[in-house]
Amino acid sequence: MFAYLKGTFVLKTPTVVHIDVHGVGYEVQVTLTTYSKIQHATEGVLLTHLLVREDAHILYGFYDKQEKDVFLHLLSVSGVGASTARMMLSSLQAEEVVRVWQNLL
């Protein structure tokens, strides 16, 4: 639904970012990798994925396309949910996850 958000970072923590987009504040779940790339920025763009669950709508944000693509690929694996995928991408770079994945095949 949302391809990206471009705006002012109002709050940044290692797991959550609040981004103001023309007066509307979005809460976005991020990986530690994304946080480390935006922690000193006051404005920026986050690529997004909206996860709709029965009990919540959760917006995930990524610094670059590769990280978002790996996140979406991880979600397609049976037993891997959004929290696990986000933890994996907080511990490893997207390139490392791809390399591990290729070695398993």
PDB file of N, CA and C in Angstrom:
ATOM      1  N   MET A   1       0.816  -1.184   0.000  1.00  0.00           N
ATOM      2  CA  MET A   1       0.000   0.000   0.000  1.00  0.00           C
ATOM      3  C   MET A   1       0.865   1.255   0.000  1.00  0.00           C
ATOM      4  N   PHE A   2       1.848   1.334   0.895  1.00  0.00           N
ATOM      5  CA  PHE A   2       2.771   2.466   0.924  1.00  0.00           C
ATOM      6  C   PHE A   2       4.107   1.975   0.370  1.00  0.00           C
ATOM      7  N   ALA A   3       4.604   2.589  -0.695  1.00  0.00           N
ATOM      8  CA  ALA A   3       5.885   2.181  -1.265  1.00  0.00           C
ATOM      9  C   ALA A   3       7.045   2.749  -0.453  1.00  0.00           C
ATOM     10  N   TYR A   4       6.894   3.979  -0.015  1.00  0.00           N
ATOM     11  CA  TYR A   4       7.936   4.626   0.781  1.00  0.00           C
ATOM     12  C   TYR A   4       7.336   5.806   1.532  1.00  0.00           C
ATOM     13  N   LEU A   5       8.080   6.269   2.522  1.00  0.00           N
ATOM     14  CA  LEU A   5       7.739   7.489   3.241  1.00  0.00           C
ATOM     15  C   LEU A   5       8.940   8.420   3.174  1.00  0.00           C
ATOM     16  N   LYS A   6       8.700   9.672   2.853  1.00  0.00           N
ATOM     17  CA  LYS A   6       9.763  10.674   2.790  1.00  0.00           C
ATOM     18  C   LYS A   6       9.368  11.815   3.707  1.00  0.00           C
ATOM     19  N   GLY A   7      10.212  12.098   4.690  1.00  0.00           N
ATOM     20  CA  GLY A   7       9.864  13.158   5.615  1.00  0.00           C
ATOM     21  C   GLY A   7      10.918  13.396   6.665  1.00  0.00           C
ATOM     22  N   THR A   8      10.474  13.971   7.772  1.00  0.00           N
ATOM     23  CA  THR A   8      11.352  14.343   8.880  1.00  0.00           C
ATOM     24  C   THR A   8      11.283  13.277   9.965  1.00  0.00           C
ATOM     25  N   PHE A   9      12.452  12.839  10.415  1.00  0.00           N
ATOM     26  CA  PHE A   9      12.509  11.866  11.499  1.00  0.00           C
ATOM     27  C   PHE A   9      12.291  12.610  12.815  1.00  0.00           C
ATOM     28  N   VAL A  10      11.194  12.295  13.496  1.00  0.00           N
ATOM     29  CA  VAL A  10      10.844  12.954  14.748  1.00  0.00           C
ATOM     30  C   VAL A  10      11.399  12.171  15.930  1.00  0.00           C
ATOM     31  N   LEU A  11      11.344  10.851  15.845  1.00  0.00           N
ATOM     32  CA  LEU A  11      11.860   9.959  16.888  1.00  0.00           C
ATOM     33  C   LEU A  11      12.593   8.819  16.197  1.00  0.00           C
ATOM     34  N   LYS A  12      13.770   8.497  16.707  1.00  0.00           N
ATOM     35  CA  LYS A  12      14.531   7.363  16.170  1.00  0.00           C
ATOM     36  C   LYS A  12      15.045   6.528  17.322  1.00  0.00           C
ATOM     37  N   THR A  13      14.669   5.261  17.331  1.00  0.00           N
ATOM     38  CA  THR A  13      15.228   4.297  18.275  1.00  0.00           C
ATOM     39  C   THR A  13      15.732   3.131  17.431  1.00  0.00           C
ATOM     40  N   PRO A  14      16.481   2.207  18.011  1.00  0.00           N
ATOM     41  CA  PRO A  14      16.973   1.076  17.222  1.00  0.00           C
ATOM     42  C   PRO A  14      15.874   0.169  16.654  1.00  0.00           C
ATOM     43  N   THR A  15      14.643   0.318  17.116  1.00  0.00           N
ATOM     44  CA  THR A  15      13.568  -0.544  16.611  1.00  0.00           C
ATOM     45  C   THR A  15      12.398   0.213  15.987  1.00  0.00           C
ATOM     46  N   VAL A  16      12.213   1.477  16.358  1.00  0.00           N
ATOM     47  CA  VAL A  16      11.049   2.241  15.897  1.00  0.00           C
ATOM     48  C   VAL A  16      11.472   3.645  15.476  1.00  0.00           C
ATOM     49  N   VAL A  17      10.884   4.097  14.377  1.00  0.00           N
ATOM     50  CA  VAL A  17      11.097   5.458  13.902  1.00  0.00           C
ATOM     51  C   VAL A  17       9.731   6.111  13.729  1.00  0.00           C
ATOM     52  N   HIS A  18       9.631   7.360  14.157  1.00  0.00           N
ATOM     53  CA  HIS A  18       8.445   8.162  13.856  1.00  0.00           C
ATOM     54  C   HIS A  18       8.874   9.146  12.778  1.00  0.00           C
ATOM     55  N   ILE A  19       8.148   9.137  11.666  1.00  0.00           N
ATOM     56  CA  ILE A  19       8.491  10.016  10.556  1.00  0.00           C
ATOM     57  C   ILE A  19       7.294  10.899  10.237  1.00  0.00           C
ATOM     58  N   ASP A  20       7.533  12.204  10.205  1.00  0.00           N
ATOM     59  CA  ASP A  20       6.494  13.177   9.894  1.00  0.00           C
ATOM     60  C   ASP A  20       6.498  13.411   8.385  1.00  0.00           C
ATOM     61  N   VAL A  21       5.361  13.113   7.758  1.00  0.00           N
ATOM     62  CA  VAL A  21       5.206  13.325   6.323  1.00  0.00           C
ATOM     63  C   VAL A  21       4.084  14.341   6.140  1.00  0.00           C
ATOM     64  N   HIS A  22       4.464  15.597   5.929  1.00  0.00           N
ATOM     65  CA  HIS A  22       3.499  16.693   5.740  1.00  0.00           C
ATOM     66  C   HIS A  22       2.450  16.735   6.852  1.00  0.00           C
ATOM     67  N   GLY A  23       2.905  16.623   8.092  1.00  0.00           N
ATOM     68  CA  GLY A  23       2.014  16.760   9.238  1.00  0.00           C
ATOM     69  C   GLY A  23       1.364  15.480   9.720  1.00  0.00           C
ATOM     70  N   VAL A  24       1.616  14.365   9.044  1.00  0.00           N
ATOM     71  CA  VAL A  24       1.083  13.075   9.485  1.00  0.00           C
ATOM     72  C   VAL A  24       2.253  12.251  10.013  1.00  0.00           C
ATOM     73  N   GLY A  25       2.137  11.778  11.245  1.00  0.00           N
ATOM     74  CA  GLY A  25       3.215  11.004  11.857  1.00  0.00           C
ATOM     75  C   GLY A  25       2.984   9.516  11.685  1.00  0.00           C
ATOM     76  N   TYR A  26       3.956   8.827  11.132  1.00  0.00           N
ATOM     77  CA  TYR A  26       3.887   7.377  10.932  1.00  0.00           C
ATOM     78  C   TYR A  26       4.857   6.693  11.879  1.00  0.00           C
ATOM     79  N   GLU A  27       4.409   5.622  12.523  1.00  0.00           N
ATOM     80  CA  GLU A  27       5.289   4.799  13.336  1.00  0.00           C
ATOM     81  C   GLU A  27       5.749   3.639  12.462  1.00  0.00           C
ATOM     82  N   VAL A  28       7.058   3.496  12.347  1.00  0.00           N
ATOM     83  CA  VAL A  28       7.627   2.510  11.439  1.00  0.00           C
ATOM     84  C   VAL A  28       8.597   1.619  12.215  1.00  0.00           C
ATOM     85  N   GLN A  29       8.409   0.312  12.108  1.00  0.00           N
ATOM     86  CA  GLN A  29       9.329  -0.652  12.711  1.00  0.00           C
ATOM     87  C   GLN A  29      10.543  -0.768  11.791  1.00  0.00           C
ATOM     88  N   VAL A  30      11.741  -0.688  12.349  1.00  0.00           N
ATOM     89  CA  VAL A  30      12.957  -0.744  11.533  1.00  0.00           C
ATOM     90  C   VAL A  30      13.931  -1.777  12.092  1.00  0.00           C
ATOM     91  N   THR A  31      14.867  -2.155  11.253  1.00  0.00           N
ATOM     92  CA  THR A  31      15.952  -3.031  11.689  1.00  0.00           C
ATOM     93  C   THR A  31      17.070  -2.179  12.280  1.00  0.00           C
ATOM     94  N   LEU A  32      17.941  -2.805  13.010  1.00  0.00           N
ATOM     95  CA  LEU A  32      19.108  -2.108  13.553  1.00  0.00           C
ATOM     96  C   LEU A  32      19.992  -1.583  12.430  1.00  0.00           C
ATOM     97  N   THR A  33      20.036  -2.302  11.324  1.00  0.00           N
ATOM     98  CA  THR A  33      20.819  -1.875  10.165  1.00  0.00           C
ATOM     99  C   THR A  33      20.282  -0.561   9.607  1.00  0.00           C
ATOM    100  N   THR A  34      18.976  -0.475   9.439  1.00  0.00           N
ATOM    101  CA  THR A  34      18.367   0.765   8.941  1.00  0.00           C
ATOM    102  C   THR A  34      18.597   1.894   9.936  1.00  0.00           C
ATOM    103  N   TYR A  35      18.394   1.607  11.209  1.00  0.00           N
ATOM    104  CA  TYR A  35      18.612   2.634  12.234  1.00  0.00           C
ATOM    105  C   TYR A  35      20.039   3.185  12.167  1.00  0.00           C
ATOM    106  N   SER A  36      21.017   2.297  12.020  1.00  0.00           N
ATOM    107  CA  SER A  36      22.412   2.751  11.996  1.00  0.00           C
ATOM    108  C   SER A  36      22.692   3.658  10.800  1.00  0.00           C
ATOM    109  N   LYS A  37      21.939   3.485   9.727  1.00  0.00           N
ATOM    110  CA  LYS A  37      22.147   4.312   8.530  1.00  0.00           C
ATOM    111  C   LYS A  37      21.422   5.651   8.604  1.00  0.00           C
ATOM    112  N   ILE A  38      20.409   5.761   9.452  1.00  0.00           N
ATOM    113  CA  ILE A  38      19.649   7.016   9.546  1.00  0.00           C
ATOM    114  C   ILE A  38      19.809   7.725  10.885  1.00  0.00           C
ATOM    115  N   GLN A  39      20.569   7.145  11.806  1.00  0.00           N
ATOM    116  CA  GLN A  39      20.584   7.674  13.170  1.00  0.00           C
ATOM    117  C   GLN A  39      21.022   9.134  13.268  1.00  0.00           C
ATOM    118  N   HIS A  40      21.823   9.621  12.327  1.00  0.00           N
ATOM    119  CA  HIS A  40      22.273  11.010  12.386  1.00  0.00           C
ATOM    120  C   HIS A  40      21.521  11.910  11.414  1.00  0.00           C
ATOM    121  N   ALA A  41      20.583  11.342  10.658  1.00  0.00           N
ATOM    122  CA  ALA A  41      19.823  12.117   9.678  1.00  0.00           C
ATOM    123  C   ALA A  41      18.604  12.767  10.335  1.00  0.00           C
ATOM    124  N   THR A  42      18.240  13.931   9.855  1.00  0.00           N
ATOM    125  CA  THR A  42      17.024  14.588  10.332  1.00  0.00           C
ATOM    126  C   THR A  42      15.861  14.347   9.373  1.00  0.00           C
ATOM    127  N   GLU A  43      16.168  14.050   8.123  1.00  0.00           N
ATOM    128  CA  GLU A  43      15.165  13.766   7.100  1.00  0.00           C
ATOM    129  C   GLU A  43      15.631  12.585   6.283  1.00  0.00           C
ATOM    130  N   GLY A  44      14.681  11.933   5.610  1.00  0.00           N
ATOM    131  CA  GLY A  44      15.076  10.841   4.747  1.00  0.00           C
ATOM    132  C   GLY A  44      13.895  10.094   4.175  1.00  0.00           C
ATOM    133  N   VAL A  45      14.224   9.001   3.497  1.00  0.00           N
ATOM    134  CA  VAL A  45      13.240   8.148   2.847  1.00  0.00           C
ATOM    135  C   VAL A  45      13.383   6.747   3.418  1.00  0.00           C
ATOM    136  N   LEU A  46      12.261   6.136   3.744  1.00  0.00           N
ATOM    137  CA  LEU A  46      12.239   4.735   4.142  1.00  0.00           C
ATOM    138  C   LEU A  46      11.330   3.982   3.179  1.00  0.00           C
ATOM    139  N   LEU A  47      11.838   2.918   2.576  1.00  0.00           N
ATOM    140  CA  LEU A  47      11.008   2.020   1.789  1.00  0.00           C
ATOM    141  C   LEU A  47      10.162   1.250   2.778  1.00  0.00           C
ATOM    142  N   THR A  48       8.913   0.985   2.452  1.00  0.00           N
ATOM    143  CA  THR A  48       8.016   0.416   3.451  1.00  0.00           C
ATOM    144  C   THR A  48       7.290  -0.839   2.977  1.00  0.00           C
ATOM    145  N   HIS A  49       6.862  -1.599   3.968  1.00  0.00           N
ATOM    146  CA  HIS A  49       5.981  -2.741   3.759  1.00  0.00           C
ATOM    147  C   HIS A  49       4.943  -2.717   4.871  1.00  0.00           C
ATOM    148  N   LEU A  50       3.668  -2.741   4.491  1.00  0.00           N
ATOM    149  CA  LEU A  50       2.584  -2.740   5.465  1.00  0.00           C
ATOM    150  C   LEU A  50       2.127  -4.176   5.679  1.00  0.00           C
ATOM    151  N   LEU A  51       2.259  -4.647   6.903  1.00  0.00           N
ATOM    152  CA  LEU A  51       1.810  -5.988   7.262  1.00  0.00           C
ATOM    153  C   LEU A  51       0.457  -5.862   7.948  1.00  0.00           C
ATOM    154  N   VAL A  52      -0.557  -6.471   7.349  1.00  0.00           N
ATOM    155  CA  VAL A  52      -1.907  -6.412   7.900  1.00  0.00           C
ATOM    156  C   VAL A  52      -2.204  -7.733   8.582  1.00  0.00           C
ATOM    157  N   ARG A  53      -2.440  -7.640   9.884  1.00  0.00           N
ATOM    158  CA  ARG A  53      -2.831  -8.815  10.666  1.00  0.00           C
ATOM    159  C   ARG A  53      -4.228  -8.586  11.208  1.00  0.00           C
ATOM    160  N   GLU A  54      -4.782  -9.635  11.754  1.00  0.00           N
ATOM    161  CA  GLU A  54      -6.131  -9.537  12.311  1.00  0.00           C
ATOM    162  C   GLU A  54      -6.208  -8.489  13.417  1.00  0.00           C
ATOM    163  N   ASP A  55      -5.138  -8.377  14.200  1.00  0.00           N
ATOM    164  CA  ASP A  55      -5.153  -7.491  15.357  1.00  0.00           C
ATOM    165  C   ASP A  55      -4.333  -6.215  15.192  1.00  0.00           C
ATOM    166  N   ALA A  56      -3.665  -6.031  14.038  1.00  0.00           N
ATOM    167  CA  ALA A  56      -2.811  -4.854  13.894  1.00  0.00           C
ATOM    168  C   ALA A  56      -2.428  -4.617  12.434  1.00  0.00           C
ATOM    169  N   HIS A  57      -2.123  -3.366  12.135  1.00  0.00           N
ATOM    170  CA  HIS A  57      -1.501  -2.974  10.870  1.00  0.00           C
ATOM    171  C   HIS A  57      -0.123  -2.446  11.260  1.00  0.00           C
ATOM    172  N   ILE A  58       0.934  -3.105  10.785  1.00  0.00           N
ATOM    173  CA  ILE A  58       2.288  -2.746  11.198  1.00  0.00           C
ATOM    174  C   ILE A  58       3.079  -2.329   9.971  1.00  0.00           C
ATOM    175  N   LEU A  59       3.695  -1.156  10.059  1.00  0.00           N
ATOM    176  CA  LEU A  59       4.477  -0.620   8.965  1.00  0.00           C
ATOM    177  C   LEU A  59       5.959  -0.869   9.241  1.00  0.00           C
ATOM    178  N   TYR A  60       6.624  -1.530   8.304  1.00  0.00           N
ATOM    179  CA  TYR A  60       8.056  -1.813   8.413  1.00  0.00           C
ATOM    180  C   TYR A  60       8.798  -0.913   7.435  1.00  0.00           C
ATOM    181  N   GLY A  61       9.932  -0.392   7.860  1.00  0.00           N
ATOM    182  CA  GLY A  61      10.711   0.509   7.010  1.00  0.00           C
ATOM    183  C   GLY A  61      12.127   0.020   6.815  1.00  0.00           C
ATOM    184  N   PHE A  62      12.662   0.307   5.614  1.00  0.00           N
ATOM    185  CA  PHE A  62      13.987  -0.174   5.230  1.00  0.00           C
ATOM    186  C   PHE A  62      14.760   0.933   4.541  1.00  0.00           C
ATOM    187  N   TYR A  63      16.048   0.956   4.792  1.00  0.00           N
ATOM    188  CA  TYR A  63      16.903   1.982   4.205  1.00  0.00           C
ATOM    189  C   TYR A  63      17.083   1.774   2.709  1.00  0.00           C
ATOM    190  N   ASP A  64      17.178   0.500   2.286  1.00  0.00           N
ATOM    191  CA  ASP A  64      17.386   0.246   0.855  1.00  0.00           C
ATOM    192  C   ASP A  64      16.538  -0.927   0.355  1.00  0.00           C
ATOM    193  N   LYS A  65      16.469  -1.039  -0.964  1.00  0.00           N
ATOM    194  CA  LYS A  65      15.624  -2.037  -1.612  1.00  0.00           C
ATOM    195  C   LYS A  65      16.071  -3.458  -1.305  1.00  0.00           C
ATOM    196  N   GLN A  66      17.371  -3.692  -1.235  1.00  0.00           N
ATOM    197  CA  GLN A  66      17.845  -5.052  -0.977  1.00  0.00           C
ATOM    198  C   GLN A  66      17.374  -5.556   0.387  1.00  0.00           C
ATOM    199  N   GLU A  67      17.448  -4.701   1.395  1.00  0.00           N
ATOM    200  CA  GLU A  67      16.998  -5.107   2.719  1.00  0.00           C
ATOM    201  C   GLU A  67      15.491  -5.411   2.715  1.00  0.00           C
ATOM    202  N   LYS A  68      14.720  -4.586   2.037  1.00  0.00           N
ATOM    203  CA  LYS A  68      13.275  -4.825   1.951  1.00  0.00           C
ATOM    204  C   LYS A  68      12.994  -6.125   1.204  1.00  0.00           C
ATOM    205  N   ASP A  69      13.689  -6.362   0.100  1.00  0.00           N
ATOM    206  CA  ASP A  69      13.479  -7.585  -0.682  1.00  0.00           C
ATOM    207  C   ASP A  69      13.808  -8.835   0.128  1.00  0.00           C
ATOM    208  N   VAL A  70      14.892  -8.791   0.887  1.00  0.00           N
ATOM    209  CA  VAL A  70      15.267  -9.938   1.720  1.00  0.00           C
ATOM    210  C   VAL A  70      14.211 -10.153   2.808  1.00  0.00           C
ATOM    211  N   PHE A  71      13.723  -9.075   3.409  1.00  0.00           N
ATOM    212  CA  PHE A  71      12.660  -9.165   4.419  1.00  0.00           C
ATOM    213  C   PHE A  71      11.431  -9.863   3.838  1.00  0.00           C
ATOM    214  N   LEU A  72      11.001  -9.442   2.668  1.00  0.00           N
ATOM    215  CA  LEU A  72       9.824 -10.042   2.035  1.00  0.00           C
ATOM    216  C   LEU A  72      10.067 -11.506   1.696  1.00  0.00           C
ATOM    217  N   HIS A  73      11.278 -11.810   1.261  1.00  0.00           N
ATOM    218  CA  HIS A  73      11.620 -13.202   0.948  1.00  0.00           C
ATOM    219  C   HIS A  73      11.589 -14.055   2.219  1.00  0.00           C
ATOM    220  N   LEU A  74      12.109 -13.528   3.314  1.00  0.00           N
ATOM    221  CA  LEU A  74      12.092 -14.255   4.585  1.00  0.00           C
ATOM    222  C   LEU A  74      10.658 -14.509   5.053  1.00  0.00           C
ATOM    223  N   LEU A  75       9.764 -13.559   4.818  1.00  0.00           N
ATOM    224  CA  LEU A  75       8.363 -13.743   5.212  1.00  0.00           C
ATOM    225  C   LEU A  75       7.710 -14.901   4.467  1.00  0.00           C
ATOM    226  N   SER A  76       8.223 -15.219   3.303  1.00  0.00           N
ATOM    227  CA  SER A  76       7.647 -16.312   2.514  1.00  0.00           C
ATOM    228  C   SER A  76       8.077 -17.690   3.010  1.00  0.00           C
ATOM    229  N   VAL A  77       9.047 -17.730   3.928  1.00  0.00           N
ATOM    230  CA  VAL A  77       9.533 -18.994   4.480  1.00  0.00           C
ATOM    231  C   VAL A  77       8.592 -19.435   5.601  1.00  0.00           C
ATOM    232  N   SER A  78       8.164 -20.670   5.532  1.00  0.00           N
ATOM    233  CA  SER A  78       7.270 -21.210   6.544  1.00  0.00           C
ATOM    234  C   SER A  78       7.911 -21.123   7.929  1.00  0.00           C
ATOM    235  N   GLY A  79       7.185 -20.564   8.878  1.00  0.00           N
ATOM    236  CA  GLY A  79       7.676 -20.466  10.249  1.00  0.00           C
ATOM    237  C   GLY A  79       8.441 -19.192  10.557  1.00  0.00           C
ATOM    238  N   VAL A  80       8.718 -18.367   9.536  1.00  0.00           N
ATOM    239  CA  VAL A  80       9.436 -17.112   9.764  1.00  0.00           C
ATOM    240  C   VAL A  80       8.431 -15.971   9.686  1.00  0.00           C
ATOM    241  N   GLY A  81       8.260 -15.291  10.798  1.00  0.00           N
ATOM    242  CA  GLY A  81       7.365 -14.151  10.847  1.00  0.00           C
ATOM    243  C   GLY A  81       8.135 -12.852  10.723  1.00  0.00           C
ATOM    244  N   ALA A  82       7.406 -11.761  10.762  1.00  0.00           N
ATOM    245  CA  ALA A  82       8.010 -10.440  10.597  1.00  0.00           C
ATOM    246  C   ALA A  82       9.016 -10.126  11.703  1.00  0.00           C
ATOM    247  N   SER A  83       8.717 -10.509  12.936  1.00  0.00           N
ATOM    248  CA  SER A  83       9.650 -10.229  14.037  1.00  0.00           C
ATOM    249  C   SER A  83      10.961 -10.984  13.858  1.00  0.00           C
ATOM    250  N   THR A  84      10.873 -12.238  13.451  1.00  0.00           N
ATOM    251  CA  THR A  84      12.082 -13.033  13.228  1.00  0.00           C
ATOM    252  C   THR A  84      12.876 -12.477  12.056  1.00  0.00           C
ATOM    253  N   ALA A  85      12.191 -12.131  10.984  1.00  0.00           N
ATOM    254  CA  ALA A  85      12.876 -11.571   9.813  1.00  0.00           C
ATOM    255  C   ALA A  85      13.570 -10.262  10.177  1.00  0.00           C
ATOM    256  N   ARG A  86      12.910  -9.436  10.965  1.00  0.00           N
ATOM    257  CA  ARG A  86      13.510  -8.159  11.380  1.00  0.00           C
ATOM    258  C   ARG A  86      14.724  -8.405  12.272  1.00  0.00           C
ATOM    259  N   MET A  87      14.644  -9.390  13.176  1.00  0.00           N
ATOM    260  CA  MET A  87      15.800  -9.711  14.031  1.00  0.00           C
ATOM    261  C   MET A  87      16.976 -10.212  13.197  1.00  0.00           C
ATOM    262  N   MET A  88      16.680 -11.046  12.201  1.00  0.00           N
ATOM    263  CA  MET A  88      17.749 -11.558  11.337  1.00  0.00           C
ATOM    264  C   MET A  88      18.445 -10.417  10.612  1.00  0.00           C
ATOM    265  N   LEU A  89      17.656  -9.475  10.098  1.00  0.00           N
ATOM    266  CA  LEU A  89      18.239  -8.345   9.375  1.00  0.00           C
ATOM    267  C   LEU A  89      18.855  -7.309  10.303  1.00  0.00           C
ATOM    268  N   SER A  90      18.598  -7.412  11.590  1.00  0.00           N
ATOM    269  CA  SER A  90      19.280  -6.565  12.564  1.00  0.00           C
ATOM    270  C   SER A  90      20.632  -7.151  12.938  1.00  0.00           C
ATOM    271  N   SER A  91      20.757  -8.467  12.806  1.00  0.00           N
ATOM    272  CA  SER A  91      22.000  -9.157  13.165  1.00  0.00           C
ATOM    273  C   SER A  91      22.943  -9.317  11.984  1.00  0.00           C
ATOM    274  N   LEU A  92      22.373  -9.442  10.794  1.00  0.00           N
ATOM    275  CA  LEU A  92      23.159  -9.668   9.580  1.00  0.00           C
ATOM    276  C   LEU A  92      22.796  -8.627   8.530  1.00  0.00           C
ATOM    277  N   GLN A  93      23.756  -8.291   7.684  1.00  0.00           N
ATOM    278  CA  GLN A  93      23.471  -7.442   6.537  1.00  0.00           C
ATOM    279  C   GLN A  93      22.656  -8.252   5.537  1.00  0.00           C
ATOM    280  N   ALA A  94      21.874  -7.582   4.707  1.00  0.00           N
ATOM    281  CA  ALA A  94      21.049  -8.269   3.711  1.00  0.00           C
ATOM    282  C   ALA A  94      21.904  -9.164   2.820  1.00  0.00           C
ATOM    283  N   GLU A  95      23.104  -8.701   2.454  1.00  0.00           N
ATOM    284  CA  GLU A  95      23.999  -9.491   1.596  1.00  0.00           C
ATOM    285  C   GLU A  95      24.400 -10.799   2.290  1.00  0.00           C
ATOM    286  N   GLU A  96      24.602 -10.738   3.593  1.00  0.00           N
ATOM    287  CA  GLU A  96      24.981 -11.935   4.342  1.00  0.00           C
ATOM    288  C   GLU A  96      23.841 -12.947   4.382  1.00  0.00           C
ATOM    289  N   VAL A  97      22.614 -12.469   4.542  1.00  0.00           N
ATOM    290  CA  VAL A  97      21.455 -13.373   4.542  1.00  0.00           C
ATOM    291  C   VAL A  97      21.331 -14.044   3.183  1.00  0.00           C
ATOM    292  N   VAL A  98      21.518 -13.282   2.117  1.00  0.00           N
ATOM    293  CA  VAL A  98      21.450 -13.841   0.760  1.00  0.00           C
ATOM    294  C   VAL A  98      22.536 -14.888   0.566  1.00  0.00           C
ATOM    295  N   ARG A  99      23.730 -14.606   1.026  1.00  0.00           N
ATOM    296  CA  ARG A  99      24.856 -15.542   0.882  1.00  0.00           C
ATOM    297  C   ARG A  99      24.568 -16.843   1.628  1.00  0.00           C
ATOM    298  N   VAL A 100      24.073 -16.740   2.847  1.00  0.00           N
ATOM    299  CA  VAL A 100      23.729 -17.939   3.632  1.00  0.00           C
ATOM    300  C   VAL A 100      22.645 -18.721   2.920  1.00  0.00           C
ATOM    301  N   TRP A 101      21.636 -18.020   2.434  1.00  0.00           N
ATOM    302  CA  TRP A 101      20.513 -18.663   1.739  1.00  0.00           C
ATOM    303  C   TRP A 101      21.021 -19.442   0.523  1.00  0.00           C
ATOM    304  N   GLN A 102      21.916 -18.817  -0.247  1.00  0.00           N
ATOM    305  CA  GLN A 102      22.450 -19.468  -1.460  1.00  0.00           C
ATOM    306  C   GLN A 102      23.279 -20.703  -1.102  1.00  0.00           C
ATOM    307  N   ASN A 103      23.983 -20.649   0.002  1.00  0.00           N
ATOM    308  CA  ASN A 103      24.797 -21.795   0.412  1.00  0.00           C
ATOM    309  C   ASN A 103      23.948 -22.969   0.854  1.00  0.00           C
ATOM    310  N   LEU A 104      22.716 -22.691   1.303  1.00  0.00           N
ATOM    311  CA  LEU A 104      21.833 -23.759   1.734  1.00  0.00           C
ATOM    312  C   LEU A 104      21.192 -24.485   0.559  1.00  0.00           C
ATOM    313  N   LEU A 105      21.121 -23.820  -0.573  1.00  0.00           N
ATOM    314  CA  LEU A 105      20.468 -24.428  -1.742  1.00  0.00           C
ATOM    315  C   LEU A 105      21.376 -25.362  -2.496  1.00  0.00           C
TER     316      LEU A 105
END
